[in-house]
């Protein structure tokens, strides 16, 4: 491919990325790297590609689940300004270390921001990621690889538009689904910290119908965590609840605790708030043709949200993890923007 394009969705809960061939998903946490006294994988159960470690500006970081397992001090935030200024660059460079094997070719990136933070932070994020980045990637065996990656261009989109682009564009970046170019589609993107509401009106972004709230899936997780603390006395970090909520149980000091009732009640309550917000923000948009629910939180909450929405919902294809629809759309939009396929009219979105 003439252009090296990567879509990156740096979320509060997970960072997701694709180069059109491979996907990467890891928790959006990082911490100081430690020297391993013993590097052998017991029972050979850990894969080397789980090892995300970079050295930048004189500091060495473990990133993602590796940081959760090994770092004594970990960085995880739900503050947007701190997230952009402190976390985004480290998470993005760790992502690039996974995809880039030949740093002689320039990279072009498409990334996203919550709608409510888009105008304030889009320039800062683009400037941070643009340019040449010299750093070191360290693999699971301790081998170091010096990288000098040049990011030639960065496009920043409001996050929910990724899902619209995923449905509108083909894997080659060409328009394929005329419904998303001709209809008025509402999108509810439930992330970890935020929920975004936006409207794609014949492929055009609607400012009036767009909103970001702090009602992400972390709201439900916080309530689950508080209930757990009352029961077991342990204050569990919310980013460590993903698997437990999914499985419906958690072990604390060897004792199993059932989370099913607590989780269902918390998730239903959050879904009700999200549906009410959608009905209110789109109260004047009675001509919406359909609504899509996306995002990692959307996968969990969709059945509860749909019951209370005023309108018809479009099911998201189950060909992919819900968390990846936005980032796959970013990649397709990158193809559309930089490889110049045959185009239908997307100028309104392209100029966001």
C-alpha atoms as a PDB file:
ATOM      1  CA  UNK A   1       0.000   0.000   0.000  1.00  0.00           C
ATOM      2  CA  UNK A   2       1.369   3.423  -0.964  1.00  0.00           C
ATOM      3  CA  UNK A   3       0.190   5.058   2.239  1.00  0.00           C
ATOM      4  CA  UNK A   4       0.964   3.781   5.746  1.00  0.00           C
ATOM      5  CA  UNK A   5      -2.277   4.627   7.554  1.00  0.00           C
ATOM      6  CA  UNK A   6      -3.140   3.725  11.127  1.00  0.00           C
ATOM      7  CA  UNK A   7      -6.374   4.441  12.965  1.00  0.00           C
ATOM      8  CA  UNK A   8      -6.021   4.916  16.731  1.00  0.00           C
ATOM      9  CA  UNK A   9      -8.853   5.284  19.237  1.00  0.00           C
ATOM     10  CA  UNK A  10      -7.242   6.342  22.533  1.00  0.00           C
ATOM     11  CA  UNK A  11     -10.050   5.768  25.017  1.00  0.00           C
ATOM     12  CA  UNK A  12     -10.134   6.182  28.790  1.00  0.00           C
ATOM     13  CA  UNK A  13     -10.764   2.468  29.198  1.00  0.00           C
ATOM     14  CA  UNK A  14      -8.991   0.906  26.219  1.00  0.00           C
ATOM     15  CA  UNK A  15      -6.733   2.023  23.389  1.00  0.00           C
ATOM     16  CA  UNK A  16      -7.717   0.460  20.059  1.00  0.00           C
ATOM     17  CA  UNK A  17      -5.870   0.590  16.751  1.00  0.00           C
ATOM     18  CA  UNK A  18      -5.702  -0.945  13.286  1.00  0.00           C
ATOM     19  CA  UNK A  19      -3.525  -0.716  10.203  1.00  0.00           C
ATOM     20  CA  UNK A  20      -6.169  -2.433   8.082  1.00  0.00           C
ATOM     21  CA  UNK A  21      -4.631  -5.866   8.601  1.00  0.00           C
ATOM     22  CA  UNK A  22      -4.205  -6.245  12.346  1.00  0.00           C
ATOM     23  CA  UNK A  23      -6.033  -4.956  15.423  1.00  0.00           C
ATOM     24  CA  UNK A  24      -4.534  -4.011  18.789  1.00  0.00           C
ATOM     25  CA  UNK A  25      -6.513  -3.502  22.006  1.00  0.00           C
ATOM     26  CA  UNK A  26      -5.041  -2.774  25.429  1.00  0.00           C
ATOM     27  CA  UNK A  27      -6.073  -1.032  28.638  1.00  0.00           C
ATOM     28  CA  UNK A  28      -5.224   2.672  28.677  1.00  0.00           C
ATOM     29  CA  UNK A  29      -2.858   2.489  31.623  1.00  0.00           C
ATOM     30  CA  UNK A  30       0.905   2.750  31.932  1.00  0.00           C
ATOM     31  CA  UNK A  31       3.508   2.677  34.675  1.00  0.00           C
ATOM     32  CA  UNK A  32       7.204   2.635  35.352  1.00  0.00           C
ATOM     33  CA  UNK A  33       9.072  -0.330  33.894  1.00  0.00           C
ATOM     34  CA  UNK A  34      10.989  -2.654  36.200  1.00  0.00           C
ATOM     35  CA  UNK A  35      13.939  -4.935  35.504  1.00  0.00           C
ATOM     36  CA  UNK A  36      12.841  -8.567  35.420  1.00  0.00           C
ATOM     37  CA  UNK A  37      14.992 -11.010  37.366  1.00  0.00           C
ATOM     38  CA  UNK A  38      13.192 -13.889  35.645  1.00  0.00           C
ATOM     39  CA  UNK A  39      11.837 -13.615  32.112  1.00  0.00           C
ATOM     40  CA  UNK A  40      10.772 -17.170  31.319  1.00  0.00           C
ATOM     41  CA  UNK A  41       7.031 -17.600  30.723  1.00  0.00           C
ATOM     42  CA  UNK A  42       5.835 -20.233  33.142  1.00  0.00           C
ATOM     43  CA  UNK A  43       3.831 -22.873  31.242  1.00  0.00           C
ATOM     44  CA  UNK A  44       4.353 -20.731  28.114  1.00  0.00           C
ATOM     45  CA  UNK A  45       0.976 -19.040  28.652  1.00  0.00           C
ATOM     46  CA  UNK A  46       1.980 -15.452  27.857  1.00  0.00           C
ATOM     47  CA  UNK A  47       2.480 -14.194  24.332  1.00  0.00           C
ATOM     48  CA  UNK A  48       5.267 -11.813  23.486  1.00  0.00           C
ATOM     49  CA  UNK A  49       2.880  -9.433  21.713  1.00  0.00           C
ATOM     50  CA  UNK A  50       1.283  -8.665  25.081  1.00  0.00           C
ATOM     51  CA  UNK A  51       4.554  -6.996  26.085  1.00  0.00           C
ATOM     52  CA  UNK A  52       4.208  -3.266  25.374  1.00  0.00           C
ATOM     53  CA  UNK A  53       7.215  -1.356  26.679  1.00  0.00           C
ATOM     54  CA  UNK A  54       8.759   1.847  25.402  1.00  0.00           C
ATOM     55  CA  UNK A  55      11.555   4.157  26.482  1.00  0.00           C
ATOM     56  CA  UNK A  56      11.005   7.835  25.787  1.00  0.00           C
ATOM     57  CA  UNK A  57      12.516  11.056  27.156  1.00  0.00           C
ATOM     58  CA  UNK A  58      14.773   9.100  29.502  1.00  0.00           C
ATOM     59  CA  UNK A  59      11.953   7.073  31.093  1.00  0.00           C
ATOM     60  CA  UNK A  60      10.866   3.477  30.532  1.00  0.00           C
ATOM     61  CA  UNK A  61       7.181   2.539  30.629  1.00  0.00           C
ATOM     62  CA  UNK A  62       5.142  -0.630  30.746  1.00  0.00           C
ATOM     63  CA  UNK A  63       1.868  -0.076  28.889  1.00  0.00           C
ATOM     64  CA  UNK A  64      -1.521  -1.771  29.078  1.00  0.00           C
ATOM     65  CA  UNK A  65      -2.030  -5.072  30.878  1.00  0.00           C
ATOM     66  CA  UNK A  66       1.737  -5.401  31.370  1.00  0.00           C
ATOM     67  CA  UNK A  67       1.635  -2.289  33.551  1.00  0.00           C
ATOM     68  CA  UNK A  68      -1.343  -3.667  35.464  1.00  0.00           C
ATOM     69  CA  UNK A  69       0.601  -6.860  36.226  1.00  0.00           C
ATOM     70  CA  UNK A  70       4.069  -5.472  36.872  1.00  0.00           C
ATOM     71  CA  UNK A  71       4.205  -1.717  37.627  1.00  0.00           C
ATOM     72  CA  UNK A  72       4.119  -0.586  41.237  1.00  0.00           C
ATOM     73  CA  UNK A  73       2.937   2.895  40.282  1.00  0.00           C
ATOM     74  CA  UNK A  74       0.341   3.068  37.495  1.00  0.00           C
ATOM     75  CA  UNK A  75      -1.174   6.009  35.652  1.00  0.00           C
ATOM     76  CA  UNK A  76      -4.886   5.870  34.864  1.00  0.00           C
ATOM     77  CA  UNK A  77      -7.069   8.953  34.650  1.00  0.00           C
ATOM     78  CA  UNK A  78     -10.603  10.025  33.817  1.00  0.00           C
ATOM     79  CA  UNK A  79      -9.572  13.685  33.486  1.00  0.00           C
ATOM     80  CA  UNK A  80      -9.641  14.782  29.841  1.00  0.00           C
ATOM     81  CA  UNK A  81      -6.965  17.510  30.007  1.00  0.00           C
ATOM     82  CA  UNK A  82      -4.561  15.274  31.911  1.00  0.00           C
ATOM     83  CA  UNK A  83      -5.350  12.402  29.564  1.00  0.00           C
ATOM     84  CA  UNK A  84      -4.453  14.411  26.459  1.00  0.00           C
ATOM     85  CA  UNK A  85      -1.374  16.114  27.923  1.00  0.00           C
ATOM     86  CA  UNK A  86       0.137  13.198  29.847  1.00  0.00           C
ATOM     87  CA  UNK A  87      -1.240   9.881  28.615  1.00  0.00           C
ATOM     88  CA  UNK A  88      -2.112  10.163  24.924  1.00  0.00           C
ATOM     89  CA  UNK A  89       1.425  10.390  23.562  1.00  0.00           C
ATOM     90  CA  UNK A  90       2.707   7.403  25.557  1.00  0.00           C
ATOM     91  CA  UNK A  91      -0.288   5.266  24.569  1.00  0.00           C
ATOM     92  CA  UNK A  92      -0.011   6.324  20.914  1.00  0.00           C
ATOM     93  CA  UNK A  93       3.726   5.611  20.688  1.00  0.00           C
ATOM     94  CA  UNK A  94       3.266   2.217  22.331  1.00  0.00           C
ATOM     95  CA  UNK A  95       0.643   1.533  19.652  1.00  0.00           C
ATOM     96  CA  UNK A  96       2.994   2.576  16.855  1.00  0.00           C
ATOM     97  CA  UNK A  97       5.746   0.341  18.276  1.00  0.00           C
ATOM     98  CA  UNK A  98       3.393  -2.607  17.701  1.00  0.00           C
ATOM     99  CA  UNK A  99       2.550  -1.778  14.080  1.00  0.00           C
ATOM    100  CA  UNK A 100       5.704  -0.176  12.694  1.00  0.00           C
ATOM    101  CA  UNK A 101       8.512  -2.525  11.700  1.00  0.00           C
ATOM    102  CA  UNK A 102      10.052  -0.289   9.042  1.00  0.00           C
ATOM    103  CA  UNK A 103      10.314   3.307  10.236  1.00  0.00           C
ATOM    104  CA  UNK A 104      11.743   4.551   6.945  1.00  0.00           C
ATOM    105  CA  UNK A 105       8.246   5.249   5.597  1.00  0.00           C
ATOM    106  CA  UNK A 106       6.089   8.102   6.977  1.00  0.00           C
ATOM    107  CA  UNK A 107       2.887   7.298   8.861  1.00  0.00           C
ATOM    108  CA  UNK A 108      -0.494   9.009   8.625  1.00  0.00           C
ATOM    109  CA  UNK A 109      -2.882   8.808  11.571  1.00  0.00           C
ATOM    110  CA  UNK A 110      -6.612   9.198  12.118  1.00  0.00           C
ATOM    111  CA  UNK A 111      -7.595   9.581  15.779  1.00  0.00           C
ATOM    112  CA  UNK A 112     -10.753  10.553  17.647  1.00  0.00           C
ATOM    113  CA  UNK A 113     -11.882  12.727  20.547  1.00  0.00           C
ATOM    114  CA  UNK A 114     -15.177  12.869  22.457  1.00  0.00           C
ATOM    115  CA  UNK A 115     -17.494  15.445  20.894  1.00  0.00           C
ATOM    116  CA  UNK A 116     -17.537  17.623  24.008  1.00  0.00           C
ATOM    117  CA  UNK A 117     -13.740  17.872  24.006  1.00  0.00           C
ATOM    118  CA  UNK A 118     -13.175  17.921  20.251  1.00  0.00           C
ATOM    119  CA  UNK A 119     -12.925  21.664  19.649  1.00  0.00           C
ATOM    120  CA  UNK A 120     -10.779  22.297  22.744  1.00  0.00           C
ATOM    121  CA  UNK A 121      -8.230  19.515  22.281  1.00  0.00           C
ATOM    122  CA  UNK A 122      -8.106  18.587  18.574  1.00  0.00           C
ATOM    123  CA  UNK A 123      -5.231  20.944  17.734  1.00  0.00           C
ATOM    124  CA  UNK A 124      -3.251  19.957  20.826  1.00  0.00           C
ATOM    125  CA  UNK A 125      -3.642  16.258  20.072  1.00  0.00           C
ATOM    126  CA  UNK A 126      -2.753  16.679  16.384  1.00  0.00           C
ATOM    127  CA  UNK A 127       0.356  18.742  17.179  1.00  0.00           C
ATOM    128  CA  UNK A 128       1.443  16.238  19.827  1.00  0.00           C
ATOM    129  CA  UNK A 129       1.258  13.293  17.428  1.00  0.00           C
ATOM    130  CA  UNK A 130       2.528  15.055  14.305  1.00  0.00           C
ATOM    131  CA  UNK A 131       6.239  15.080  13.471  1.00  0.00           C
ATOM    132  CA  UNK A 132       9.130  12.725  14.188  1.00  0.00           C
ATOM    133  CA  UNK A 133       9.204  10.572  17.311  1.00  0.00           C
ATOM    134  CA  UNK A 134      12.464   8.958  18.427  1.00  0.00           C
ATOM    135  CA  UNK A 135      12.027   6.290  21.088  1.00  0.00           C
ATOM    136  CA  UNK A 136      12.924   2.699  21.945  1.00  0.00           C
ATOM    137  CA  UNK A 137      10.641  -0.340  21.909  1.00  0.00           C
ATOM    138  CA  UNK A 138      11.531  -3.204  24.254  1.00  0.00           C
ATOM    139  CA  UNK A 139      10.222  -6.733  23.676  1.00  0.00           C
ATOM    140  CA  UNK A 140       9.478  -9.466  26.213  1.00  0.00           C
ATOM    141  CA  UNK A 141      13.035 -10.795  26.035  1.00  0.00           C
ATOM    142  CA  UNK A 142      14.499  -7.394  26.851  1.00  0.00           C
ATOM    143  CA  UNK A 143      15.688  -6.747  23.300  1.00  0.00           C
ATOM    144  CA  UNK A 144      15.663  -3.081  22.350  1.00  0.00           C
ATOM    145  CA  UNK A 145      14.674  -1.622  18.984  1.00  0.00           C
ATOM    146  CA  UNK A 146      15.341   2.041  18.234  1.00  0.00           C
ATOM    147  CA  UNK A 147      12.543   3.711  16.294  1.00  0.00           C
ATOM    148  CA  UNK A 148      12.463   7.047  14.527  1.00  0.00           C
ATOM    149  CA  UNK A 149       8.870   7.275  13.314  1.00  0.00           C
ATOM    150  CA  UNK A 150       7.750  10.212  11.215  1.00  0.00           C
ATOM    151  CA  UNK A 151       4.043  11.034  11.420  1.00  0.00           C
ATOM    152  CA  UNK A 152       3.389  13.061   8.295  1.00  0.00           C
ATOM    153  CA  UNK A 153      -0.264  13.925   8.892  1.00  0.00           C
ATOM    154  CA  UNK A 154      -2.912  13.575  11.598  1.00  0.00           C
ATOM    155  CA  UNK A 155      -6.674  13.852  11.191  1.00  0.00           C
ATOM    156  CA  UNK A 156      -8.802  14.157  14.329  1.00  0.00           C
ATOM    157  CA  UNK A 157     -12.488  13.185  14.139  1.00  0.00           C
ATOM    158  CA  UNK A 158     -15.331  13.347  16.650  1.00  0.00           C
ATOM    159  CA  UNK A 159     -15.298   9.778  17.970  1.00  0.00           C
ATOM    160  CA  UNK A 160     -18.776   8.517  16.957  1.00  0.00           C
ATOM    161  CA  UNK A 161     -18.159   9.404  13.309  1.00  0.00           C
ATOM    162  CA  UNK A 162     -15.828   6.423  13.195  1.00  0.00           C
ATOM    163  CA  UNK A 163     -18.797   4.072  13.362  1.00  0.00           C
ATOM    164  CA  UNK A 164     -20.562   6.037  10.616  1.00  0.00           C
ATOM    165  CA  UNK A 165     -17.446   5.809   8.415  1.00  0.00           C
ATOM    166  CA  UNK A 166     -17.207   2.076   9.155  1.00  0.00           C
ATOM    167  CA  UNK A 167     -20.719   1.541   7.795  1.00  0.00           C
ATOM    168  CA  UNK A 168     -20.464   4.068   4.953  1.00  0.00           C
ATOM    169  CA  UNK A 169     -17.072   3.063   3.507  1.00  0.00           C
ATOM    170  CA  UNK A 170     -15.710  -0.211   2.162  1.00  0.00           C
ATOM    171  CA  UNK A 171     -12.419  -1.780   3.221  1.00  0.00           C
ATOM    172  CA  UNK A 172     -10.833   0.147   0.334  1.00  0.00           C
ATOM    173  CA  UNK A 173     -12.171   3.496   1.546  1.00  0.00           C
ATOM    174  CA  UNK A 174     -14.825   3.774  -1.155  1.00  0.00           C
ATOM    175  CA  UNK A 175     -18.493   4.613  -0.404  1.00  0.00           C
ATOM    176  CA  UNK A 176     -20.586   1.437  -0.244  1.00  0.00           C
ATOM    177  CA  UNK A 177     -23.685   2.060   1.898  1.00  0.00           C
ATOM    178  CA  UNK A 178     -25.885   4.768   0.419  1.00  0.00           C
ATOM    179  CA  UNK A 179     -28.177   4.746   3.438  1.00  0.00           C
ATOM    180  CA  UNK A 180     -25.508   6.466   5.494  1.00  0.00           C
ATOM    181  CA  UNK A 181     -25.036   9.058   2.744  1.00  0.00           C
ATOM    182  CA  UNK A 182     -28.746   9.801   2.311  1.00  0.00           C
ATOM    183  CA  UNK A 183     -30.418   9.191   5.701  1.00  0.00           C
ATOM    184  CA  UNK A 184     -30.332  10.983   9.028  1.00  0.00           C
ATOM    185  CA  UNK A 185     -28.655   8.626  11.502  1.00  0.00           C
ATOM    186  CA  UNK A 186     -28.231   9.166  15.234  1.00  0.00           C
ATOM    187  CA  UNK A 187     -25.238   7.564  16.943  1.00  0.00           C
ATOM    188  CA  UNK A 188     -24.863   6.786  20.644  1.00  0.00           C
ATOM    189  CA  UNK A 189     -21.240   5.963  21.434  1.00  0.00           C
ATOM    190  CA  UNK A 190     -20.869   4.601  24.972  1.00  0.00           C
ATOM    191  CA  UNK A 191     -17.251   4.761  26.074  1.00  0.00           C
ATOM    192  CA  UNK A 192     -15.558   4.186  29.392  1.00  0.00           C
ATOM    193  CA  UNK A 193     -15.721   7.741  30.744  1.00  0.00           C
ATOM    194  CA  UNK A 194     -18.079   9.455  28.300  1.00  0.00           C
ATOM    195  CA  UNK A 195     -21.119   8.845  26.147  1.00  0.00           C
ATOM    196  CA  UNK A 196     -21.258  10.743  22.864  1.00  0.00           C
ATOM    197  CA  UNK A 197     -24.431  11.552  20.949  1.00  0.00           C
ATOM    198  CA  UNK A 198     -24.198  12.761  17.367  1.00  0.00           C
ATOM    199  CA  UNK A 199     -26.179  12.884  14.147  1.00  0.00           C
ATOM    200  CA  UNK A 200     -24.929  12.130  10.670  1.00  0.00           C
ATOM    201  CA  UNK A 201     -27.421  13.949   8.436  1.00  0.00           C
ATOM    202  CA  UNK A 202     -26.819  12.727   4.872  1.00  0.00           C
ATOM    203  CA  UNK A 203     -23.148  12.340   5.724  1.00  0.00           C
ATOM    204  CA  UNK A 204     -22.979  15.746   7.413  1.00  0.00           C
ATOM    205  CA  UNK A 205     -22.061  16.231  11.060  1.00  0.00           C
ATOM    206  CA  UNK A 206     -24.838  17.919  13.066  1.00  0.00           C
ATOM    207  CA  UNK A 207     -23.564  20.267  15.786  1.00  0.00           C
ATOM    208  CA  UNK A 208     -27.051  20.788  17.227  1.00  0.00           C
ATOM    209  CA  UNK A 209     -27.644  17.075  17.655  1.00  0.00           C
ATOM    210  CA  UNK A 210     -24.271  16.388  19.267  1.00  0.00           C
ATOM    211  CA  UNK A 211     -23.405  16.129  22.952  1.00  0.00           C
ATOM    212  CA  UNK A 212     -20.894  14.528  25.309  1.00  0.00           C
ATOM    213  CA  UNK A 213     -21.850  13.493  28.832  1.00  0.00           C
ATOM    214  CA  UNK A 214     -19.799  11.898  31.605  1.00  0.00           C
ATOM    215  CA  UNK A 215     -22.174   8.935  31.723  1.00  0.00           C
ATOM    216  CA  UNK A 216     -19.738   6.337  30.437  1.00  0.00           C
ATOM    217  CA  UNK A 217     -19.581   2.727  31.587  1.00  0.00           C
ATOM    218  CA  UNK A 218     -17.249   3.827  34.418  1.00  0.00           C
ATOM    219  CA  UNK A 219     -20.311   5.253  36.205  1.00  0.00           C
ATOM    220  CA  UNK A 220     -21.764   1.753  36.538  1.00  0.00           C
ATOM    221  CA  UNK A 221     -18.344   0.288  37.374  1.00  0.00           C
ATOM    222  CA  UNK A 222     -17.882   2.839  40.172  1.00  0.00           C
ATOM    223  CA  UNK A 223     -21.190   1.803  41.719  1.00  0.00           C
ATOM    224  CA  UNK A 224     -20.229  -1.863  41.426  1.00  0.00           C
ATOM    225  CA  UNK A 225     -16.878  -1.075  43.050  1.00  0.00           C
ATOM    226  CA  UNK A 226     -18.544   0.750  45.950  1.00  0.00           C
ATOM    227  CA  UNK A 227     -20.874  -2.193  46.571  1.00  0.00           C
ATOM    228  CA  UNK A 228     -17.911  -4.560  46.481  1.00  0.00           C
ATOM    229  CA  UNK A 229     -16.023  -2.470  49.015  1.00  0.00           C
ATOM    230  CA  UNK A 230     -19.000  -2.608  51.363  1.00  0.00           C
ATOM    231  CA  UNK A 231     -18.986  -6.399  51.028  1.00  0.00           C
ATOM    232  CA  UNK A 232     -15.297  -7.318  51.027  1.00  0.00           C
ATOM    233  CA  UNK A 233     -13.595  -4.196  52.344  1.00  0.00           C
ATOM    234  CA  UNK A 234     -11.265  -3.837  49.344  1.00  0.00           C
ATOM    235  CA  UNK A 235     -11.204  -0.731  47.162  1.00  0.00           C
ATOM    236  CA  UNK A 236     -10.773  -2.258  43.696  1.00  0.00           C
ATOM    237  CA  UNK A 237      -9.620  -0.035  40.817  1.00  0.00           C
ATOM    238  CA  UNK A 238     -12.415   0.268  38.273  1.00  0.00           C
ATOM    239  CA  UNK A 239     -10.155  -0.701  35.354  1.00  0.00           C
ATOM    240  CA  UNK A 240      -9.715  -4.096  37.040  1.00  0.00           C
ATOM    241  CA  UNK A 241     -13.453  -4.811  36.908  1.00  0.00           C
ATOM    242  CA  UNK A 242     -13.827  -5.440  33.160  1.00  0.00           C
ATOM    243  CA  UNK A 243     -13.356  -9.201  33.274  1.00  0.00           C
ATOM    244  CA  UNK A 244     -15.181  -9.580  36.586  1.00  0.00           C
ATOM    245  CA  UNK A 245     -18.318  -7.807  35.354  1.00  0.00           C
ATOM    246  CA  UNK A 246     -18.229  -9.773  32.108  1.00  0.00           C
ATOM    247  CA  UNK A 247     -17.937 -13.075  33.976  1.00  0.00           C
ATOM    248  CA  UNK A 248     -20.343 -12.075  36.748  1.00  0.00           C
ATOM    249  CA  UNK A 249     -17.967 -12.975  39.557  1.00  0.00           C
ATOM    250  CA  UNK A 250     -14.736 -11.823  41.170  1.00  0.00           C
ATOM    251  CA  UNK A 251     -12.312 -13.422  43.587  1.00  0.00           C
ATOM    252  CA  UNK A 252     -10.908 -11.324  46.417  1.00  0.00           C
ATOM    253  CA  UNK A 253      -8.264 -13.045  48.543  1.00  0.00           C
ATOM    254  CA  UNK A 254      -9.491 -16.393  47.249  1.00  0.00           C
ATOM    255  CA  UNK A 255     -13.174 -15.808  48.034  1.00  0.00           C
ATOM    256  CA  UNK A 256     -15.637 -15.549  45.136  1.00  0.00           C
ATOM    257  CA  UNK A 257     -18.221 -12.748  45.078  1.00  0.00           C
ATOM    258  CA  UNK A 258     -21.269 -12.834  42.797  1.00  0.00           C
ATOM    259  CA  UNK A 259     -21.586  -9.612  40.783  1.00  0.00           C
ATOM    260  CA  UNK A 260     -24.550 -10.490  38.589  1.00  0.00           C
ATOM    261  CA  UNK A 261     -27.310  -8.710  40.525  1.00  0.00           C
ATOM    262  CA  UNK A 262     -25.164  -5.689  41.367  1.00  0.00           C
ATOM    263  CA  UNK A 263     -23.962  -5.381  37.781  1.00  0.00           C
ATOM    264  CA  UNK A 264     -27.389  -5.739  36.184  1.00  0.00           C
ATOM    265  CA  UNK A 265     -28.934  -3.106  38.445  1.00  0.00           C
ATOM    266  CA  UNK A 266     -26.076  -0.642  37.863  1.00  0.00           C
ATOM    267  CA  UNK A 267     -26.031  -1.182  34.097  1.00  0.00           C
ATOM    268  CA  UNK A 268     -29.807  -0.832  33.759  1.00  0.00           C
ATOM    269  CA  UNK A 269     -29.732   2.419  35.725  1.00  0.00           C
ATOM    270  CA  UNK A 270     -26.969   3.823  33.510  1.00  0.00           C
ATOM    271  CA  UNK A 271     -28.760   2.707  30.333  1.00  0.00           C
ATOM    272  CA  UNK A 272     -31.889   4.535  31.452  1.00  0.00           C
ATOM    273  CA  UNK A 273     -29.926   7.776  31.933  1.00  0.00           C
ATOM    274  CA  UNK A 274     -28.304   7.409  28.491  1.00  0.00           C
ATOM    275  CA  UNK A 275     -31.644   6.771  26.772  1.00  0.00           C
ATOM    276  CA  UNK A 276     -33.260   9.764  28.492  1.00  0.00           C
ATOM    277  CA  UNK A 277     -30.349  11.987  27.401  1.00  0.00           C
ATOM    278  CA  UNK A 278     -30.678  10.756  23.807  1.00  0.00           C
ATOM    279  CA  UNK A 279     -34.411  11.412  23.725  1.00  0.00           C
ATOM    280  CA  UNK A 280     -33.854  14.911  25.094  1.00  0.00           C
ATOM    281  CA  UNK A 281     -30.909  15.998  22.922  1.00  0.00           C
ATOM    282  CA  UNK A 282     -32.704  14.760  19.806  1.00  0.00           C
ATOM    283  CA  UNK A 283     -36.172  16.046  20.791  1.00  0.00           C
ATOM    284  CA  UNK A 284     -36.194  18.456  17.812  1.00  0.00           C
ATOM    285  CA  UNK A 285     -34.768  15.833  15.453  1.00  0.00           C
ATOM    286  CA  UNK A 286     -38.006  13.892  15.035  1.00  0.00           C
ATOM    287  CA  UNK A 287     -36.983  13.118  11.439  1.00  0.00           C
ATOM    288  CA  UNK A 288     -34.116  10.789  12.448  1.00  0.00           C
ATOM    289  CA  UNK A 289     -34.377   7.685  10.294  1.00  0.00           C
ATOM    290  CA  UNK A 290     -32.576   5.335  12.697  1.00  0.00           C
ATOM    291  CA  UNK A 291     -30.209   5.150  15.661  1.00  0.00           C
ATOM    292  CA  UNK A 292     -27.001   3.163  16.128  1.00  0.00           C
ATOM    293  CA  UNK A 293     -25.477   2.201  19.477  1.00  0.00           C
ATOM    294  CA  UNK A 294     -21.739   1.622  19.485  1.00  0.00           C
ATOM    295  CA  UNK A 295     -18.633   1.666  21.692  1.00  0.00           C
ATOM    296  CA  UNK A 296     -17.389  -0.852  24.222  1.00  0.00           C
ATOM    297  CA  UNK A 297     -20.054   0.212  26.694  1.00  0.00           C
ATOM    298  CA  UNK A 298     -22.663   0.038  23.963  1.00  0.00           C
ATOM    299  CA  UNK A 299     -22.074  -3.689  23.599  1.00  0.00           C
ATOM    300  CA  UNK A 300     -23.127  -4.174  27.208  1.00  0.00           C
ATOM    301  CA  UNK A 301     -25.888  -1.575  27.436  1.00  0.00           C
ATOM    302  CA  UNK A 302     -27.548  -1.816  24.014  1.00  0.00           C
ATOM    303  CA  UNK A 303     -30.345  -4.223  25.037  1.00  0.00           C
ATOM    304  CA  UNK A 304     -31.314  -1.960  27.945  1.00  0.00           C
ATOM    305  CA  UNK A 305     -30.988   1.324  26.002  1.00  0.00           C
ATOM    306  CA  UNK A 306     -33.057   0.132  23.023  1.00  0.00           C
ATOM    307  CA  UNK A 307     -36.078  -0.521  25.236  1.00  0.00           C
ATOM    308  CA  UNK A 308     -36.285   3.178  26.135  1.00  0.00           C
ATOM    309  CA  UNK A 309     -35.207   4.939  22.935  1.00  0.00           C
ATOM    310  CA  UNK A 310     -37.689   6.864  20.823  1.00  0.00           C
ATOM    311  CA  UNK A 311     -36.865   5.546  17.384  1.00  0.00           C
ATOM    312  CA  UNK A 312     -35.698   2.563  15.359  1.00  0.00           C
ATOM    313  CA  UNK A 313     -32.270   1.137  16.115  1.00  0.00           C
ATOM    314  CA  UNK A 314     -29.838  -0.325  13.585  1.00  0.00           C
ATOM    315  CA  UNK A 315     -28.046  -3.384  14.927  1.00  0.00           C
ATOM    316  CA  UNK A 316     -24.260  -3.198  14.716  1.00  0.00           C
ATOM    317  CA  UNK A 317     -22.811  -6.082  12.734  1.00  0.00           C
ATOM    318  CA  UNK A 318     -21.391  -8.745  14.995  1.00  0.00           C
ATOM    319  CA  UNK A 319     -18.396  -9.297  12.731  1.00  0.00           C
ATOM    320  CA  UNK A 320     -16.205  -7.323  15.113  1.00  0.00           C
ATOM    321  CA  UNK A 321     -15.680  -6.407  18.750  1.00  0.00           C
ATOM    322  CA  UNK A 322     -17.953  -3.399  19.476  1.00  0.00           C
ATOM    323  CA  UNK A 323     -14.919  -1.450  20.679  1.00  0.00           C
ATOM    324  CA  UNK A 324     -13.322  -1.630  17.231  1.00  0.00           C
ATOM    325  CA  UNK A 325     -16.011  -0.152  14.969  1.00  0.00           C
ATOM    326  CA  UNK A 326     -14.855   3.435  15.517  1.00  0.00           C
ATOM    327  CA  UNK A 327     -11.193   2.681  14.895  1.00  0.00           C
ATOM    328  CA  UNK A 328     -11.929   0.606  11.790  1.00  0.00           C
ATOM    329  CA  UNK A 329     -13.933   3.587  10.562  1.00  0.00           C
ATOM    330  CA  UNK A 330     -10.966   5.888  11.261  1.00  0.00           C
ATOM    331  CA  UNK A 331      -8.756   3.668   9.131  1.00  0.00           C
ATOM    332  CA  UNK A 332     -11.288   3.616   6.281  1.00  0.00           C
ATOM    333  CA  UNK A 333     -11.610   7.394   6.492  1.00  0.00           C
ATOM    334  CA  UNK A 334      -7.825   7.592   6.238  1.00  0.00           C
ATOM    335  CA  UNK A 335      -7.959   5.538   3.050  1.00  0.00           C
ATOM    336  CA  UNK A 336     -10.709   7.779   1.703  1.00  0.00           C
ATOM    337  CA  UNK A 337      -8.718  10.923   2.560  1.00  0.00           C
ATOM    338  CA  UNK A 338      -5.213   9.974   1.488  1.00  0.00           C
ATOM    339  CA  UNK A 339      -5.409   7.267  -1.175  1.00  0.00           C
ATOM    340  CA  UNK A 340      -7.917   9.103  -3.365  1.00  0.00           C
ATOM    341  CA  UNK A 341     -10.354   6.305  -4.269  1.00  0.00           C
ATOM    342  CA  UNK A 342     -13.458   7.113  -6.304  1.00  0.00           C
ATOM    343  CA  UNK A 343     -15.456   9.370  -4.027  1.00  0.00           C
ATOM    344  CA  UNK A 344     -19.041  10.197  -3.313  1.00  0.00           C
ATOM    345  CA  UNK A 345     -19.719  13.419  -1.446  1.00  0.00           C
ATOM    346  CA  UNK A 346     -18.121  13.315   1.993  1.00  0.00           C
ATOM    347  CA  UNK A 347     -16.816  16.864   2.031  1.00  0.00           C
ATOM    348  CA  UNK A 348     -18.777  17.877   5.106  1.00  0.00           C
ATOM    349  CA  UNK A 349     -17.307  15.100   7.215  1.00  0.00           C
ATOM    350  CA  UNK A 350     -13.859  15.483   5.675  1.00  0.00           C
ATOM    351  CA  UNK A 351     -13.768  19.136   6.708  1.00  0.00           C
ATOM    352  CA  UNK A 352     -14.696  18.564  10.373  1.00  0.00           C
END
